[in-house]
Structures are given as C-alpha cells and as structure tokens.
Amino acid sequence: MTGERRSKRVRRGKAVVTASALHTLWDLKLRILEALSVHPKNADVYCLAAGKWAKLDNDDASLAGAHLLHL
C-alpha cells in the first residue's frame, strides 16, 4: 500500500480568504467554511495567536476588536 491514510479535513486543502476590519468573526467563519465546503454547524474555527490556538467564539466581535487583523 502506498501513502498514508489522511482525514477528509487534511485532504480539503487550503483556501485564501480576505476580510476587512469591519467584518465580524461570523462573516470570517462563513467565508472560510464556504471556501472549504464545510457546513457551519459541523466545524469550529481556531486561530493561532501568540503561539496558542484559540477557538473563535464571539461571532459578533469585529476582526479589529478581536485582535485578528494585522496591518
């Protein structure tokens, strides 16, 4: 047998998603999940910040308010 078995999540690949500081976390999550063809109820979105993974929970926060926007 050649190659190793990988999960569907790993096989989905990568996608480029753009957003502005005015978008909410919910808007960003929807863009990411649409790009990867994942239903929003079937996924949690995590962000790597300061060397730690954090789950993005506050859907109403803006990207600038959540400190996710880098200039």
C-alpha atoms as a PDB file:
ATOM      1  CA  MET A   1       0.000   0.000   0.000  1.00  0.00           C
ATOM      2  CA  THR A   2       1.426   3.396  -0.929  1.00  0.00           C
ATOM      3  CA  GLY A   3       0.906   6.587   1.041  1.00  0.00           C
ATOM      4  CA  GLU A   4      -0.727   7.093   4.386  1.00  0.00           C
ATOM      5  CA  ARG A   5      -4.397   7.461   5.208  1.00  0.00           C
ATOM      6  CA  ARG A   6      -5.353  11.062   5.868  1.00  0.00           C
ATOM      7  CA  SER A   7      -8.585  12.534   7.175  1.00  0.00           C
ATOM      8  CA  LYS A   8     -11.015  14.416   4.934  1.00  0.00           C
ATOM      9  CA  ARG A   9     -10.161  17.613   6.796  1.00  0.00           C
ATOM     10  CA  VAL A  10      -6.496  17.298   5.868  1.00  0.00           C
ATOM     11  CA  ARG A  11      -7.352  16.474   2.255  1.00  0.00           C
ATOM     12  CA  ARG A  12      -9.535  19.575   1.861  1.00  0.00           C
ATOM     13  CA  GLY A  13      -6.513  21.729   1.188  1.00  0.00           C
ATOM     14  CA  LYS A  14      -6.042  25.420   1.710  1.00  0.00           C
ATOM     15  CA  ALA A  15      -8.027  28.462   0.683  1.00  0.00           C
ATOM     16  CA  VAL A  16      -7.300  32.171   0.589  1.00  0.00           C
ATOM     17  CA  VAL A  17      -9.939  34.256   2.340  1.00  0.00           C
ATOM     18  CA  THR A  18      -9.940  38.041   2.597  1.00  0.00           C
ATOM     19  CA  ALA A  19     -11.833  40.195   5.076  1.00  0.00           C
ATOM     20  CA  SER A  20     -11.755  43.753   6.356  1.00  0.00           C
ATOM     21  CA  ALA A  21     -11.625  45.118   9.889  1.00  0.00           C
ATOM     22  CA  LEU A  22     -15.353  45.850   9.691  1.00  0.00           C
ATOM     23  CA  HIS A  23     -16.309  42.202   9.188  1.00  0.00           C
ATOM     24  CA  THR A  24     -17.442  40.185  12.192  1.00  0.00           C
ATOM     25  CA  LEU A  25     -15.977  36.855  13.230  1.00  0.00           C
ATOM     26  CA  TRP A  26     -19.157  35.204  11.924  1.00  0.00           C
ATOM     27  CA  ASP A  27     -18.527  36.738   8.468  1.00  0.00           C
ATOM     28  CA  LEU A  28     -14.955  35.429   8.514  1.00  0.00           C
ATOM     29  CA  LYS A  29     -16.058  31.958   9.646  1.00  0.00           C
ATOM     30  CA  LEU A  30     -18.638  31.782   6.849  1.00  0.00           C
ATOM     31  CA  ARG A  31     -16.040  32.793   4.242  1.00  0.00           C
ATOM     32  CA  ILE A  32     -13.604  30.152   5.499  1.00  0.00           C
ATOM     33  CA  LEU A  33     -16.207  27.399   5.672  1.00  0.00           C
ATOM     34  CA  GLU A  34     -17.641  28.249   2.231  1.00  0.00           C
ATOM     35  CA  ALA A  35     -14.149  28.179   0.719  1.00  0.00           C
ATOM     36  CA  LEU A  36     -13.563  24.723   2.234  1.00  0.00           C
ATOM     37  CA  SER A  37     -17.107  23.424   1.539  1.00  0.00           C
ATOM     38  CA  VAL A  38     -17.876  22.766   5.201  1.00  0.00           C
ATOM     39  CA  HIS A  39     -21.299  23.320   6.803  1.00  0.00           C
ATOM     40  CA  PRO A  40     -21.043  25.908   9.633  1.00  0.00           C
ATOM     41  CA  LYS A  41     -22.698  23.597  12.164  1.00  0.00           C
ATOM     42  CA  ASN A  42     -20.076  20.913  11.505  1.00  0.00           C
ATOM     43  CA  ALA A  43     -16.985  22.962  12.258  1.00  0.00           C
ATOM     44  CA  ASP A  44     -15.245  25.091  14.834  1.00  0.00           C
ATOM     45  CA  VAL A  45     -12.763  27.732  13.738  1.00  0.00           C
ATOM     46  CA  TYR A  46      -9.497  28.223  15.627  1.00  0.00           C
ATOM     47  CA  CYS A  47      -6.894  30.957  15.300  1.00  0.00           C
ATOM     48  CA  LEU A  48      -3.195  30.778  16.138  1.00  0.00           C
ATOM     49  CA  ALA A  49      -2.284  33.856  18.172  1.00  0.00           C
ATOM     50  CA  ALA A  50       0.802  34.367  20.322  1.00  0.00           C
ATOM     51  CA  GLY A  51       1.791  30.722  19.871  1.00  0.00           C
ATOM     52  CA  LYS A  52      -1.519  29.325  21.183  1.00  0.00           C
ATOM     53  CA  TRP A  53      -4.602  28.036  19.376  1.00  0.00           C
ATOM     54  CA  ALA A  54      -7.825  29.749  20.454  1.00  0.00           C
ATOM     55  CA  LYS A  55     -11.375  28.915  19.391  1.00  0.00           C
ATOM     56  CA  LEU A  56     -13.176  31.867  17.795  1.00  0.00           C
ATOM     57  CA  ASP A  57     -16.372  32.072  19.855  1.00  0.00           C
ATOM     58  CA  ASN A  58     -17.659  35.647  19.914  1.00  0.00           C
ATOM     59  CA  ASP A  59     -19.349  35.790  16.500  1.00  0.00           C
ATOM     60  CA  ASP A  60     -20.488  39.400  16.935  1.00  0.00           C
ATOM     61  CA  ALA A  61     -16.999  40.829  17.539  1.00  0.00           C
ATOM     62  CA  SER A  62     -15.280  42.702  14.735  1.00  0.00           C
ATOM     63  CA  LEU A  63     -11.964  41.397  13.439  1.00  0.00           C
ATOM     64  CA  ALA A  64     -10.194  44.523  14.682  1.00  0.00           C
ATOM     65  CA  GLY A  65     -11.844  44.176  18.106  1.00  0.00           C
ATOM     66  CA  ALA A  66     -10.810  40.526  18.319  1.00  0.00           C
ATOM     67  CA  HIS A  67      -7.179  41.492  17.516  1.00  0.00           C
ATOM     68  CA  LEU A  68      -7.127  39.238  14.431  1.00  0.00           C
ATOM     69  CA  LEU A  69      -6.257  41.924  11.919  1.00  0.00           C
ATOM     70  CA  HIS A  70      -2.595  42.522  11.080  1.00  0.00           C
ATOM     71  CA  LEU A  71      -1.649  45.687   9.226  1.00  0.00           C
END
